[in-house]
Amino acid sequence: MSLFRILRMTPSQFIKRTILKVISKTELILPRWETAKQKFIILPSVSDFSTILPVNIASIPQENIASYYEIISYPERYLYTLNDVYVSYYGVVFKN
């Protein structure tokens, strides 16, 4: 692309063009993320249960007491096995 044409671009057009160039070059460098077969085990759901009330329930403020009487239940959970990946402390999965 000629220098004259670059100088005629608006700043947003220049930024967009630069970002698209970086992405296209990065795409060529990185290996393709292939969809691997995921193995999963379905863990059963946990039926409804209520928590044990604390001994000092009388000293807890009224607006917080309602949370102790809520009924808790968990839906089915899935466990995935992924090969050749790294998982960060925050749960982000990185391939390669």
N, C-alpha and C. Protein backbone atom coordinates (compact mmCIF):
# COMPACT_ATOMS: atom_id res chain seq x y z
N MET A 1 0.85 -1.18 0.00
CA MET A 1 0.00 0.00 0.00
C MET A 1 0.89 1.23 0.00
N SER A 2 0.52 2.20 -0.78
CA SER A 2 1.37 3.39 -0.93
C SER A 2 1.26 4.29 0.30
N LEU A 3 2.30 5.08 0.49
CA LEU A 3 2.34 6.01 1.61
C LEU A 3 1.24 7.06 1.48
N PHE A 4 0.96 7.48 0.25
CA PHE A 4 -0.08 8.47 0.02
C PHE A 4 -1.44 7.94 0.48
N ARG A 5 -1.71 6.68 0.17
CA ARG A 5 -3.00 6.11 0.56
C ARG A 5 -3.09 5.94 2.08
N ILE A 6 -1.99 5.59 2.74
CA ILE A 6 -1.98 5.46 4.20
C ILE A 6 -2.24 6.80 4.86
N LEU A 7 -1.65 7.86 4.32
CA LEU A 7 -1.83 9.19 4.91
C LEU A 7 -3.26 9.70 4.75
N ARG A 8 -3.99 9.21 3.76
CA ARG A 8 -5.37 9.64 3.56
C ARG A 8 -6.35 8.91 4.46
N MET A 9 -5.92 7.85 5.15
CA MET A 9 -6.81 7.08 6.03
C MET A 9 -7.13 7.86 7.29
N THR A 10 -8.31 7.61 7.79
CA THR A 10 -8.66 8.17 9.10
C THR A 10 -7.96 7.33 10.15
N PRO A 11 -7.78 7.86 11.37
CA PRO A 11 -7.13 7.07 12.41
C PRO A 11 -7.84 5.74 12.69
N SER A 12 -9.16 5.73 12.67
CA SER A 12 -9.88 4.49 12.95
C SER A 12 -9.68 3.46 11.83
N GLN A 13 -9.59 3.92 10.58
CA GLN A 13 -9.32 3.00 9.48
C GLN A 13 -7.91 2.42 9.58
N PHE A 14 -6.95 3.27 9.98
CA PHE A 14 -5.58 2.81 10.13
C PHE A 14 -5.47 1.77 11.24
N ILE A 15 -6.13 2.02 12.36
CA ILE A 15 -6.10 1.08 13.49
C ILE A 15 -6.75 -0.24 13.09
N LYS A 16 -7.89 -0.16 12.42
CA LYS A 16 -8.58 -1.37 11.98
C LYS A 16 -7.70 -2.18 11.03
N ARG A 17 -7.06 -1.51 10.09
CA ARG A 17 -6.19 -2.18 9.12
C ARG A 17 -5.01 -2.83 9.82
N THR A 18 -4.43 -2.15 10.79
CA THR A 18 -3.29 -2.68 11.51
C THR A 18 -3.68 -3.90 12.34
N ILE A 19 -4.81 -3.83 13.01
CA ILE A 19 -5.28 -4.96 13.81
C ILE A 19 -5.56 -6.17 12.93
N LEU A 20 -6.20 -5.96 11.79
CA LEU A 20 -6.47 -7.07 10.87
C LEU A 20 -5.19 -7.70 10.34
N LYS A 21 -4.17 -6.89 10.09
CA LYS A 21 -2.88 -7.42 9.65
C LYS A 21 -2.25 -8.28 10.74
N VAL A 22 -2.27 -7.79 11.97
CA VAL A 22 -1.68 -8.55 13.09
C VAL A 22 -2.41 -9.86 13.28
N ILE A 23 -3.72 -9.83 13.21
CA ILE A 23 -4.51 -11.06 13.38
C ILE A 23 -4.21 -12.05 12.27
N SER A 24 -4.14 -11.59 11.04
CA SER A 24 -3.89 -12.51 9.93
C SER A 24 -2.49 -13.13 10.03
N LYS A 25 -1.49 -12.36 10.46
CA LYS A 25 -0.14 -12.91 10.62
C LYS A 25 -0.07 -13.86 11.82
N THR A 26 -0.78 -13.54 12.89
CA THR A 26 -0.81 -14.42 14.07
C THR A 26 -1.49 -15.73 13.72
N GLU A 27 -2.51 -15.67 12.91
CA GLU A 27 -3.23 -16.88 12.50
C GLU A 27 -2.32 -17.83 11.72
N LEU A 28 -1.39 -17.28 10.96
CA LEU A 28 -0.46 -18.12 10.20
C LEU A 28 0.59 -18.78 11.10
N ILE A 29 0.96 -18.10 12.17
CA ILE A 29 1.99 -18.61 13.07
C ILE A 29 1.46 -19.70 14.00
N LEU A 30 0.30 -19.45 14.57
CA LEU A 30 -0.24 -20.38 15.57
C LEU A 30 -0.82 -21.63 14.92
N PRO A 31 -0.70 -22.78 15.60
CA PRO A 31 -1.33 -23.99 15.07
C PRO A 31 -2.84 -23.91 15.20
N ARG A 32 -3.51 -24.63 14.35
CA ARG A 32 -4.96 -24.64 14.38
C ARG A 32 -5.48 -25.37 15.60
N TRP A 33 -6.52 -24.82 16.20
CA TRP A 33 -7.18 -25.45 17.34
C TRP A 33 -8.17 -26.46 16.78
N GLU A 34 -7.84 -27.71 16.92
CA GLU A 34 -8.70 -28.75 16.40
C GLU A 34 -9.64 -29.20 17.50
N THR A 35 -10.87 -29.43 17.13
CA THR A 35 -11.85 -29.89 18.10
C THR A 35 -11.53 -31.34 18.45
N ALA A 36 -11.14 -31.55 19.68
CA ALA A 36 -10.80 -32.89 20.13
C ALA A 36 -12.04 -33.57 20.68
N LYS A 37 -12.00 -34.88 20.72
CA LYS A 37 -13.11 -35.61 21.31
C LYS A 37 -13.08 -35.38 22.81
N GLN A 38 -14.15 -34.89 23.33
CA GLN A 38 -14.21 -34.62 24.76
C GLN A 38 -14.89 -35.76 25.48
N LYS A 39 -14.23 -36.25 26.49
CA LYS A 39 -14.83 -37.30 27.31
C LYS A 39 -15.46 -36.61 28.50
N PHE A 40 -16.66 -37.02 28.85
CA PHE A 40 -17.28 -36.39 30.00
C PHE A 40 -17.99 -37.43 30.84
N ILE A 41 -18.02 -37.15 32.10
CA ILE A 41 -18.71 -38.00 33.06
C ILE A 41 -19.80 -37.14 33.65
N ILE A 42 -21.00 -37.60 33.59
CA ILE A 42 -22.10 -36.82 34.17
C ILE A 42 -22.19 -37.18 35.65
N LEU A 43 -22.01 -36.20 36.48
CA LEU A 43 -22.16 -36.40 37.91
C LEU A 43 -23.61 -36.15 38.26
N PRO A 44 -24.19 -36.96 39.10
CA PRO A 44 -25.62 -36.81 39.39
C PRO A 44 -25.92 -35.50 40.12
N SER A 45 -27.14 -35.05 39.97
CA SER A 45 -27.53 -33.84 40.67
C SER A 45 -27.70 -34.13 42.15
N VAL A 46 -27.50 -33.12 42.95
CA VAL A 46 -27.65 -33.25 44.39
C VAL A 46 -29.05 -32.79 44.74
N SER A 47 -29.78 -33.64 45.43
CA SER A 47 -31.17 -33.29 45.76
C SER A 47 -31.21 -32.13 46.75
N ASP A 48 -32.39 -31.55 46.87
CA ASP A 48 -32.57 -30.39 47.74
C ASP A 48 -32.20 -30.73 49.18
N PHE A 49 -31.50 -29.81 49.80
CA PHE A 49 -31.19 -29.97 51.22
C PHE A 49 -31.10 -28.60 51.84
N SER A 50 -31.27 -28.55 53.13
CA SER A 50 -31.16 -27.28 53.84
C SER A 50 -29.92 -27.33 54.73
N THR A 51 -29.36 -26.18 54.94
CA THR A 51 -28.15 -26.11 55.74
C THR A 51 -28.47 -26.22 57.23
N ILE A 52 -27.46 -26.54 58.01
CA ILE A 52 -27.62 -26.58 59.46
C ILE A 52 -27.51 -25.15 59.97
N LEU A 53 -28.45 -24.75 60.80
CA LEU A 53 -28.45 -23.39 61.32
C LEU A 53 -27.32 -23.21 62.32
N PRO A 54 -26.68 -22.02 62.31
CA PRO A 54 -25.61 -21.78 63.28
C PRO A 54 -26.15 -21.66 64.70
N VAL A 55 -25.29 -21.92 65.64
CA VAL A 55 -25.69 -21.87 67.05
C VAL A 55 -26.09 -20.45 67.45
N ASN A 56 -25.44 -19.45 66.89
CA ASN A 56 -25.72 -18.05 67.25
C ASN A 56 -26.72 -17.39 66.30
N ILE A 57 -27.70 -18.12 65.83
CA ILE A 57 -28.68 -17.58 64.87
C ILE A 57 -29.44 -16.39 65.45
N ALA A 58 -29.62 -16.35 66.76
CA ALA A 58 -30.35 -15.25 67.39
C ALA A 58 -29.57 -13.93 67.32
N SER A 59 -28.26 -13.99 67.25
CA SER A 59 -27.46 -12.77 67.25
C SER A 59 -27.18 -12.24 65.83
N ILE A 60 -27.62 -12.95 64.80
CA ILE A 60 -27.41 -12.53 63.42
C ILE A 60 -28.48 -11.51 63.03
N PRO A 61 -28.13 -10.45 62.30
CA PRO A 61 -29.12 -9.44 61.90
C PRO A 61 -30.25 -10.06 61.07
N GLN A 62 -31.44 -9.52 61.21
CA GLN A 62 -32.64 -10.05 60.56
C GLN A 62 -32.51 -10.14 59.05
N GLU A 63 -31.86 -9.15 58.40
CA GLU A 63 -31.77 -9.17 56.94
C GLU A 63 -30.87 -10.30 56.43
N ASN A 64 -30.03 -10.87 57.28
CA ASN A 64 -29.15 -11.95 56.86
C ASN A 64 -29.68 -13.34 57.22
N ILE A 65 -30.66 -13.42 58.07
CA ILE A 65 -31.17 -14.72 58.53
C ILE A 65 -31.86 -15.48 57.40
N ALA A 66 -32.51 -14.79 56.48
CA ALA A 66 -33.24 -15.46 55.40
C ALA A 66 -32.34 -16.35 54.55
N SER A 67 -31.07 -15.96 54.39
CA SER A 67 -30.17 -16.76 53.57
C SER A 67 -29.87 -18.12 54.20
N TYR A 68 -30.02 -18.26 55.50
CA TYR A 68 -29.78 -19.55 56.16
C TYR A 68 -30.93 -20.53 55.96
N TYR A 69 -32.10 -20.02 55.61
CA TYR A 69 -33.27 -20.88 55.42
C TYR A 69 -33.50 -21.28 53.96
N GLU A 70 -32.64 -20.81 53.06
CA GLU A 70 -32.80 -21.15 51.64
C GLU A 70 -32.49 -22.63 51.41
N ILE A 71 -33.25 -23.24 50.51
CA ILE A 71 -33.02 -24.63 50.16
C ILE A 71 -32.02 -24.66 49.02
N ILE A 72 -31.00 -25.51 49.13
CA ILE A 72 -29.92 -25.57 48.16
C ILE A 72 -30.05 -26.83 47.32
N SER A 73 -29.84 -26.70 46.02
CA SER A 73 -29.80 -27.86 45.14
C SER A 73 -28.79 -27.57 44.03
N TYR A 74 -28.15 -28.62 43.54
CA TYR A 74 -27.16 -28.48 42.48
C TYR A 74 -27.61 -29.30 41.27
N PRO A 75 -27.54 -28.74 40.06
CA PRO A 75 -27.91 -29.50 38.86
C PRO A 75 -26.81 -30.50 38.51
N GLU A 76 -27.02 -31.25 37.42
CA GLU A 76 -26.00 -32.19 36.97
C GLU A 76 -24.72 -31.42 36.64
N ARG A 77 -23.60 -32.07 36.89
CA ARG A 77 -22.31 -31.45 36.60
C ARG A 77 -21.56 -32.31 35.61
N TYR A 78 -20.73 -31.66 34.83
CA TYR A 78 -19.96 -32.35 33.80
C TYR A 78 -18.48 -32.20 34.07
N LEU A 79 -17.75 -33.23 33.80
CA LEU A 79 -16.31 -33.21 33.95
C LEU A 79 -15.71 -33.51 32.58
N TYR A 80 -14.94 -32.57 32.05
CA TYR A 80 -14.35 -32.73 30.73
C TYR A 80 -12.86 -33.08 30.86
N THR A 81 -12.40 -33.96 30.03
CA THR A 81 -10.99 -34.30 29.97
C THR A 81 -10.43 -33.70 28.69
N LEU A 82 -9.47 -32.79 28.84
CA LEU A 82 -8.85 -32.13 27.70
C LEU A 82 -7.38 -32.52 27.66
N ASN A 83 -6.89 -32.83 26.50
CA ASN A 83 -5.49 -33.23 26.34
C ASN A 83 -4.65 -32.06 25.84
N ASP A 84 -3.41 -31.99 26.29
CA ASP A 84 -2.43 -31.00 25.82
C ASP A 84 -2.92 -29.57 25.97
N VAL A 85 -3.44 -29.23 27.14
CA VAL A 85 -3.88 -27.87 27.41
C VAL A 85 -3.29 -27.40 28.74
N TYR A 86 -3.27 -26.10 28.91
CA TYR A 86 -2.86 -25.48 30.16
C TYR A 86 -4.05 -24.72 30.71
N VAL A 87 -4.26 -24.80 32.01
CA VAL A 87 -5.36 -24.10 32.65
C VAL A 87 -4.77 -23.09 33.62
N SER A 88 -5.16 -21.83 33.46
CA SER A 88 -4.63 -20.78 34.34
C SER A 88 -5.31 -20.84 35.69
N TYR A 89 -4.80 -20.05 36.61
CA TYR A 89 -5.36 -19.96 37.96
C TYR A 89 -6.83 -19.54 37.92
N TYR A 90 -7.22 -18.76 36.92
CA TYR A 90 -8.59 -18.27 36.81
C TYR A 90 -9.50 -19.17 36.00
N GLY A 91 -9.00 -20.31 35.55
CA GLY A 91 -9.82 -21.26 34.82
C GLY A 91 -9.84 -21.06 33.32
N VAL A 92 -8.95 -20.25 32.79
CA VAL A 92 -8.87 -20.04 31.34
C VAL A 92 -8.06 -21.19 30.75
N VAL A 93 -8.57 -21.81 29.67
CA VAL A 93 -7.90 -22.95 29.05
C VAL A 93 -7.10 -22.46 27.85
N PHE A 94 -5.81 -22.83 27.82
CA PHE A 94 -4.92 -22.48 26.71
C PHE A 94 -4.46 -23.74 26.02
N LYS A 95 -4.56 -23.75 24.71
CA LYS A 95 -4.06 -24.87 23.91
C LYS A 95 -2.71 -24.45 23.33
N ASN A 96 -1.70 -25.33 23.45
CA ASN A 96 -0.34 -25.07 22.96
C ASN A 96 0.26 -23.89 23.69
